[in-house]
Amino acid sequence: MEGERKFRAIAIASDQKDPISPCGICRQFIREFNRNIEVYMISSDGGTCVKMTLDELLPMSFGPENLGK
């Protein structure tokens, strides 16, 4: 990420046939940057792409704004 702190989208890809979603701890890590980020989950052959927002993947999340800073 080279020091970048603002992101609009992230792509998740693996060697799996079907698209995979980020794991729970990864979802929370992404949440620290932007709760409205678009998450693109891509199949290994690139033929299938599922787009969701992080809010859809991690509803009722806890983020920096909950820390009172």
PDB file of N, CA and C in Angstrom:
ATOM      1  N   MET A   1       0.818  -1.185   0.000  1.00  0.00           N
ATOM      2  CA  MET A   1       0.000   0.000   0.000  1.00  0.00           C
ATOM      3  C   MET A   1       0.856   1.239   0.000  1.00  0.00           C
ATOM      4  N   GLU A   2       2.111   1.097   0.310  1.00  0.00           N
ATOM      5  CA  GLU A   2       3.088   2.181   0.198  1.00  0.00           C
ATOM      6  C   GLU A   2       2.632   3.474   0.866  1.00  0.00           C
ATOM      7  N   GLY A   3       1.995   3.373   2.025  1.00  0.00           N
ATOM      8  CA  GLY A   3       1.609   4.562   2.770  1.00  0.00           C
ATOM      9  C   GLY A   3       0.269   5.154   2.396  1.00  0.00           C
ATOM     10  N   GLU A   4      -0.369   4.639   1.371  1.00  0.00           N
ATOM     11  CA  GLU A   4      -1.688   5.156   0.985  1.00  0.00           C
ATOM     12  C   GLU A   4      -2.685   4.857   2.086  1.00  0.00           C
ATOM     13  N   ARG A   5      -3.634   5.764   2.305  1.00  0.00           N
ATOM     14  CA  ARG A   5      -4.619   5.596   3.373  1.00  0.00           C
ATOM     15  C   ARG A   5      -6.060   5.667   2.864  1.00  0.00           C
ATOM     16  N   LYS A   6      -6.252   6.053   1.609  1.00  0.00           N
ATOM     17  CA  LYS A   6      -7.599   6.171   1.060  1.00  0.00           C
ATOM     18  C   LYS A   6      -7.738   5.240  -0.143  1.00  0.00           C
ATOM     19  N   PHE A   7      -8.771   4.402  -0.088  1.00  0.00           N
ATOM     20  CA  PHE A   7      -9.018   3.438  -1.148  1.00  0.00           C
ATOM     21  C   PHE A   7     -10.480   3.469  -1.536  1.00  0.00           C
ATOM     22  N   ARG A   8     -10.769   3.270  -2.810  1.00  0.00           N
ATOM     23  CA  ARG A   8     -12.148   3.206  -3.288  1.00  0.00           C
ATOM     24  C   ARG A   8     -12.586   1.780  -3.552  1.00  0.00           C
ATOM     25  N   ALA A   9     -11.612   0.890  -3.860  1.00  0.00           N
ATOM     26  CA  ALA A   9     -11.952  -0.489  -4.209  1.00  0.00           C
ATOM     27  C   ALA A   9     -10.782  -1.405  -3.890  1.00  0.00           C
ATOM     28  N   ILE A  10     -11.117  -2.696  -3.754  1.00  0.00           N
ATOM     29  CA  ILE A  10     -10.107  -3.720  -3.548  1.00  0.00           C
ATOM     30  C   ILE A  10     -10.560  -4.966  -4.311  1.00  0.00           C
ATOM     31  N   ALA A  11      -9.604  -5.707  -4.858  1.00  0.00           N
ATOM     32  CA  ALA A  11      -9.911  -6.945  -5.578  1.00  0.00           C
ATOM     33  C   ALA A  11      -9.368  -8.123  -4.780  1.00  0.00           C
ATOM     34  N   ILE A  12     -10.168  -9.179  -4.685  1.00  0.00           N
ATOM     35  CA  ILE A  12      -9.785 -10.392  -3.990  1.00  0.00           C
ATOM     36  C   ILE A  12      -9.766 -11.512  -5.022  1.00  0.00           C
ATOM     37  N   ALA A  13      -8.625 -12.151  -5.187  1.00  0.00           N
ATOM     38  CA  ALA A  13      -8.497 -13.247  -6.157  1.00  0.00           C
ATOM     39  C   ALA A  13      -7.713 -14.377  -5.512  1.00  0.00           C
ATOM     40  N   SER A  14      -7.950 -15.596  -5.992  1.00  0.00           N
ATOM     41  CA  SER A  14      -7.222 -16.757  -5.478  1.00  0.00           C
ATOM     42  C   SER A  14      -7.108 -17.797  -6.585  1.00  0.00           C
ATOM     43  N   ASP A  15      -6.614 -18.964  -6.231  1.00  0.00           N
ATOM     44  CA  ASP A  15      -6.526 -20.040  -7.204  1.00  0.00           C
ATOM     45  C   ASP A  15      -7.787 -20.910  -7.197  1.00  0.00           C
ATOM     46  N   GLN A  16      -8.829 -20.473  -6.492  1.00  0.00           N
ATOM     47  CA  GLN A  16     -10.087 -21.207  -6.419  1.00  0.00           C
ATOM     48  C   GLN A  16     -10.929 -20.961  -7.668  1.00  0.00           C
ATOM     49  N   LYS A  17     -11.714 -21.964  -8.054  1.00  0.00           N
ATOM     50  CA  LYS A  17     -12.572 -21.859  -9.234  1.00  0.00           C
ATOM     51  C   LYS A  17     -13.618 -20.752  -9.082  1.00  0.00           C
ATOM     52  N   ASP A  18     -14.221 -20.680  -7.897  1.00  0.00           N
ATOM     53  CA  ASP A  18     -15.257 -19.683  -7.635  1.00  0.00           C
ATOM     54  C   ASP A  18     -14.660 -18.489  -6.888  1.00  0.00           C
ATOM     55  N   PRO A  19     -15.272 -17.309  -7.020  1.00  0.00           N
ATOM     56  CA  PRO A  19     -14.800 -16.146  -6.271  1.00  0.00           C
ATOM     57  C   PRO A  19     -14.837 -16.428  -4.774  1.00  0.00           C
ATOM     58  N   ILE A  20     -13.876 -15.880  -4.045  1.00  0.00           N
ATOM     59  CA  ILE A  20     -13.867 -16.013  -2.583  1.00  0.00           C
ATOM     60  C   ILE A  20     -13.987 -14.622  -1.965  1.00  0.00           C
ATOM     61  N   SER A  21     -14.532 -14.581  -0.765  1.00  0.00           N
ATOM     62  CA  SER A  21     -14.631 -13.311  -0.052  1.00  0.00           C
ATOM     63  C   SER A  21     -13.472 -13.191   0.929  1.00  0.00           C
ATOM     64  N   PRO A  22     -13.146 -11.969   1.340  1.00  0.00           N
ATOM     65  CA  PRO A  22     -12.087 -11.806   2.338  1.00  0.00           C
ATOM     66  C   PRO A  22     -12.526 -12.417   3.668  1.00  0.00           C
ATOM     67  N   CYS A  23     -11.573 -12.952   4.410  1.00  0.00           N
ATOM     68  CA  CYS A  23     -11.884 -13.554   5.714  1.00  0.00           C
ATOM     69  C   CYS A  23     -12.296 -12.454   6.701  1.00  0.00           C
ATOM     70  N   GLY A  24     -12.744 -12.856   7.863  1.00  0.00           N
ATOM     71  CA  GLY A  24     -13.234 -11.904   8.863  1.00  0.00           C
ATOM     72  C   GLY A  24     -12.201 -10.885   9.297  1.00  0.00           C
ATOM     73  N   ILE A  25     -10.997 -11.342   9.593  1.00  0.00           N
ATOM     74  CA  ILE A  25      -9.968 -10.394  10.051  1.00  0.00           C
ATOM     75  C   ILE A  25      -9.563  -9.453   8.915  1.00  0.00           C
ATOM     76  N   CYS A  26      -9.565  -9.957   7.683  1.00  0.00           N
ATOM     77  CA  CYS A  26      -9.264  -9.092   6.533  1.00  0.00           C
ATOM     78  C   CYS A  26     -10.367  -8.051   6.346  1.00  0.00           C
ATOM     79  N   ARG A  27     -11.617  -8.456   6.541  1.00  0.00           N
ATOM     80  CA  ARG A  27     -12.733  -7.507   6.430  1.00  0.00           C
ATOM     81  C   ARG A  27     -12.576  -6.379   7.446  1.00  0.00           C
ATOM     82  N   GLN A  28     -12.201  -6.737   8.666  1.00  0.00           N
ATOM     83  CA  GLN A  28     -12.021  -5.716   9.700  1.00  0.00           C
ATOM     84  C   GLN A  28     -10.853  -4.797   9.362  1.00  0.00           C
ATOM     85  N   PHE A  29      -9.758  -5.369   8.843  1.00  0.00           N
ATOM     86  CA  PHE A  29      -8.599  -4.559   8.457  1.00  0.00           C
ATOM     87  C   PHE A  29      -8.980  -3.568   7.356  1.00  0.00           C
ATOM     88  N   ILE A  30      -9.697  -4.043   6.351  1.00  0.00           N
ATOM     89  CA  ILE A  30     -10.152  -3.175   5.257  1.00  0.00           C
ATOM     90  C   ILE A  30     -11.067  -2.083   5.815  1.00  0.00           C
ATOM     91  N   ARG A  31     -11.906  -2.449   6.780  1.00  0.00           N
ATOM     92  CA  ARG A  31     -12.864  -1.520   7.394  1.00  0.00           C
ATOM     93  C   ARG A  31     -12.178  -0.327   8.033  1.00  0.00           C
ATOM     94  N   GLU A  32     -10.974  -0.521   8.530  1.00  0.00           N
ATOM     95  CA  GLU A  32     -10.238   0.576   9.151  1.00  0.00           C
ATOM     96  C   GLU A  32      -9.949   1.701   8.152  1.00  0.00           C
ATOM     97  N   PHE A  33      -9.967   1.399   6.877  1.00  0.00           N
ATOM     98  CA  PHE A  33      -9.678   2.392   5.842  1.00  0.00           C
ATOM     99  C   PHE A  33     -10.931   3.036   5.264  1.00  0.00           C
ATOM    100  N   ASN A  34     -11.973   2.227   4.996  1.00  0.00           N
ATOM    101  CA  ASN A  34     -13.153   2.783   4.330  1.00  0.00           C
ATOM    102  C   ASN A  34     -14.298   1.787   4.424  1.00  0.00           C
ATOM    103  N   ARG A  35     -15.356   2.144   5.109  1.00  0.00           N
ATOM    104  CA  ARG A  35     -16.489   1.216   5.250  1.00  0.00           C
ATOM    105  C   ARG A  35     -17.292   1.090   3.963  1.00  0.00           C
ATOM    106  N   ASN A  36     -17.166   2.051   3.058  1.00  0.00           N
ATOM    107  CA  ASN A  36     -17.923   2.027   1.803  1.00  0.00           C
ATOM    108  C   ASN A  36     -17.112   1.514   0.616  1.00  0.00           C
ATOM    109  N   ILE A  37     -15.968   0.918   0.874  1.00  0.00           N
ATOM    110  CA  ILE A  37     -15.107   0.441  -0.197  1.00  0.00           C
ATOM    111  C   ILE A  37     -15.811  -0.652  -1.008  1.00  0.00           C
ATOM    112  N   GLU A  38     -15.596  -0.649  -2.314  1.00  0.00           N
ATOM    113  CA  GLU A  38     -16.137  -1.692  -3.178  1.00  0.00           C
ATOM    114  C   GLU A  38     -15.176  -2.875  -3.154  1.00  0.00           C
ATOM    115  N   VAL A  39     -15.724  -4.079  -2.980  1.00  0.00           N
ATOM    116  CA  VAL A  39     -14.923  -5.296  -2.926  1.00  0.00           C
ATOM    117  C   VAL A  39     -15.273  -6.134  -4.155  1.00  0.00           C
ATOM    118  N   TYR A  40     -14.279  -6.383  -4.998  1.00  0.00           N
ATOM    119  CA  TYR A  40     -14.454  -7.205  -6.190  1.00  0.00           C
ATOM    120  C   TYR A  40     -13.838  -8.573  -5.918  1.00  0.00           C
ATOM    121  N   MET A  41     -14.661  -9.618  -5.964  1.00  0.00           N
ATOM    122  CA  MET A  41     -14.205 -10.987  -5.718  1.00  0.00           C
ATOM    123  C   MET A  41     -14.209 -11.713  -7.054  1.00  0.00           C
ATOM    124  N   ILE A  42     -13.032 -12.183  -7.460  1.00  0.00           N
ATOM    125  CA  ILE A  42     -12.826 -12.663  -8.822  1.00  0.00           C
ATOM    126  C   ILE A  42     -12.442 -14.134  -8.827  1.00  0.00           C
ATOM    127  N   SER A  43     -13.020 -14.899  -9.765  1.00  0.00           N
ATOM    128  CA  SER A  43     -12.674 -16.310  -9.905  1.00  0.00           C
ATOM    129  C   SER A  43     -11.274 -16.448 -10.501  1.00  0.00           C
ATOM    130  N   SER A  44     -10.690 -17.634 -10.341  1.00  0.00           N
ATOM    131  CA  SER A  44      -9.307 -17.831 -10.795  1.00  0.00           C
ATOM    132  C   SER A  44      -9.143 -17.646 -12.302  1.00  0.00           C
ATOM    133  N   ASP A  45     -10.181 -17.943 -13.077  1.00  0.00           N
ATOM    134  CA  ASP A  45     -10.072 -17.770 -14.526  1.00  0.00           C
ATOM    135  C   ASP A  45     -10.496 -16.384 -14.989  1.00  0.00           C
ATOM    136  N   GLY A  46     -10.924 -15.549 -14.036  1.00  0.00           N
ATOM    137  CA  GLY A  46     -11.340 -14.187 -14.363  1.00  0.00           C
ATOM    138  C   GLY A  46     -12.718 -14.103 -14.998  1.00  0.00           C
ATOM    139  N   GLY A  47     -13.402 -15.235 -15.116  1.00  0.00           N
ATOM    140  CA  GLY A  47     -14.699 -15.262 -15.784  1.00  0.00           C
ATOM    141  C   GLY A  47     -15.860 -14.800 -14.919  1.00  0.00           C
ATOM    142  N   THR A  48     -15.683 -14.817 -13.601  1.00  0.00           N
ATOM    143  CA  THR A  48     -16.750 -14.414 -12.692  1.00  0.00           C
ATOM    144  C   THR A  48     -16.225 -13.354 -11.731  1.00  0.00           C
ATOM    145  N   CYS A  49     -17.005 -12.296 -11.581  1.00  0.00           N
ATOM    146  CA  CYS A  49     -16.651 -11.233 -10.645  1.00  0.00           C
ATOM    147  C   CYS A  49     -17.900 -10.844  -9.867  1.00  0.00           C
ATOM    148  N   VAL A  50     -17.786 -10.904  -8.553  1.00  0.00           N
ATOM    149  CA  VAL A  50     -18.880 -10.495  -7.671  1.00  0.00           C
ATOM    150  C   VAL A  50     -18.460  -9.188  -7.017  1.00  0.00           C
ATOM    151  N   LYS A  51     -19.347  -8.187  -7.095  1.00  0.00           N
ATOM    152  CA  LYS A  51     -19.051  -6.882  -6.492  1.00  0.00           C
ATOM    153  C   LYS A  51     -19.992  -6.649  -5.324  1.00  0.00           C
ATOM    154  N   MET A  52     -19.412  -6.321  -4.170  1.00  0.00           N
ATOM    155  CA  MET A  52     -20.190  -5.969  -2.985  1.00  0.00           C
ATOM    156  C   MET A  52     -19.479  -4.820  -2.284  1.00  0.00           C
ATOM    157  N   THR A  53     -20.202  -4.129  -1.412  1.00  0.00           N
ATOM    158  CA  THR A  53     -19.540  -3.135  -0.577  1.00  0.00           C
ATOM    159  C   THR A  53     -19.095  -3.828   0.708  1.00  0.00           C
ATOM    160  N   LEU A  54     -18.153  -3.230   1.383  1.00  0.00           N
ATOM    161  CA  LEU A  54     -17.718  -3.801   2.651  1.00  0.00           C
ATOM    162  C   LEU A  54     -18.859  -3.780   3.661  1.00  0.00           C
ATOM    163  N   ASP A  55     -19.715  -2.780   3.609  1.00  0.00           N
ATOM    164  CA  ASP A  55     -20.876  -2.739   4.512  1.00  0.00           C
ATOM    165  C   ASP A  55     -21.777  -3.960   4.319  1.00  0.00           C
ATOM    166  N   GLU A  56     -21.867  -4.444   3.087  1.00  0.00           N
ATOM    167  CA  GLU A  56     -22.658  -5.652   2.836  1.00  0.00           C
ATOM    168  C   GLU A  56     -21.964  -6.892   3.407  1.00  0.00           C
ATOM    169  N   LEU A  57     -20.639  -6.917   3.338  1.00  0.00           N
ATOM    170  CA  LEU A  57     -19.875  -8.056   3.840  1.00  0.00           C
ATOM    171  C   LEU A  57     -19.673  -8.020   5.350  1.00  0.00           C
ATOM    172  N   LEU A  58     -19.734  -6.827   5.933  1.00  0.00           N
ATOM    173  CA  LEU A  58     -19.473  -6.665   7.368  1.00  0.00           C
ATOM    174  C   LEU A  58     -20.487  -5.683   7.963  1.00  0.00           C
ATOM    175  N   PRO A  59     -21.758  -6.122   8.068  1.00  0.00           N
ATOM    176  CA  PRO A  59     -22.785  -5.207   8.594  1.00  0.00           C
ATOM    177  C   PRO A  59     -22.553  -4.897  10.069  1.00  0.00           C
ATOM    178  N   MET A  60     -23.023  -3.738  10.479  1.00  0.00           N
ATOM    179  CA  MET A  60     -22.925  -3.286  11.875  1.00  0.00           C
ATOM    180  C   MET A  60     -21.492  -3.338  12.383  1.00  0.00           C
ATOM    181  N   SER A  61     -20.563  -2.893  11.563  1.00  0.00           N
ATOM    182  CA  SER A  61     -19.139  -2.993  11.882  1.00  0.00           C
ATOM    183  C   SER A  61     -18.676  -1.931  12.878  1.00  0.00           C
ATOM    184  N   PHE A  62     -17.525  -2.187  13.449  1.00  0.00           N
ATOM    185  CA  PHE A  62     -16.864  -1.279  14.377  1.00  0.00           C
ATOM    186  C   PHE A  62     -15.699  -0.642  13.636  1.00  0.00           C
ATOM    187  N   GLY A  63     -15.593   0.678  13.691  1.00  0.00           N
ATOM    188  CA  GLY A  63     -14.521   1.361  12.973  1.00  0.00           C
ATOM    189  C   GLY A  63     -13.938   2.504  13.762  1.00  0.00           C
ATOM    190  N   PRO A  64     -13.023   3.247  13.126  1.00  0.00           N
ATOM    191  CA  PRO A  64     -12.335   4.348  13.803  1.00  0.00           C
ATOM    192  C   PRO A  64     -13.283   5.362  14.428  1.00  0.00           C
ATOM    193  N   GLU A  65     -14.420   5.598  13.811  1.00  0.00           N
ATOM    194  CA  GLU A  65     -15.350   6.587  14.357  1.00  0.00           C
ATOM    195  C   GLU A  65     -15.949   6.147  15.698  1.00  0.00           C
ATOM    196  N   ASN A  66     -15.861   4.865  16.014  1.00  0.00           N
ATOM    197  CA  ASN A  66     -16.362   4.356  17.297  1.00  0.00           C
ATOM    198  C   ASN A  66     -15.372   4.545  18.447  1.00  0.00           C
ATOM    199  N   LEU A  67     -14.184   5.009  18.149  1.00  0.00           N
ATOM    200  CA  LEU A  67     -13.153   5.178  19.167  1.00  0.00           C
ATOM    201  C   LEU A  67     -13.209   6.538  19.841  1.00  0.00           C
ATOM    202  N   GLY A  68     -14.055   7.427  19.345  1.00  0.00           N
ATOM    203  CA  GLY A  68     -14.218   8.744  19.982  1.00  0.00           C
ATOM    204  C   GLY A  68     -13.060   9.680  19.735  1.00  0.00           C
ATOM    205  N   LYS A  69     -12.303   9.442  18.695  1.00  0.00           N
ATOM    206  CA  LYS A  69     -11.179  10.328  18.379  1.00  0.00           C
ATOM    207  C   LYS A  69     -11.557  11.323  17.332  1.00  0.00           C
TER     208      LYS A  69
END
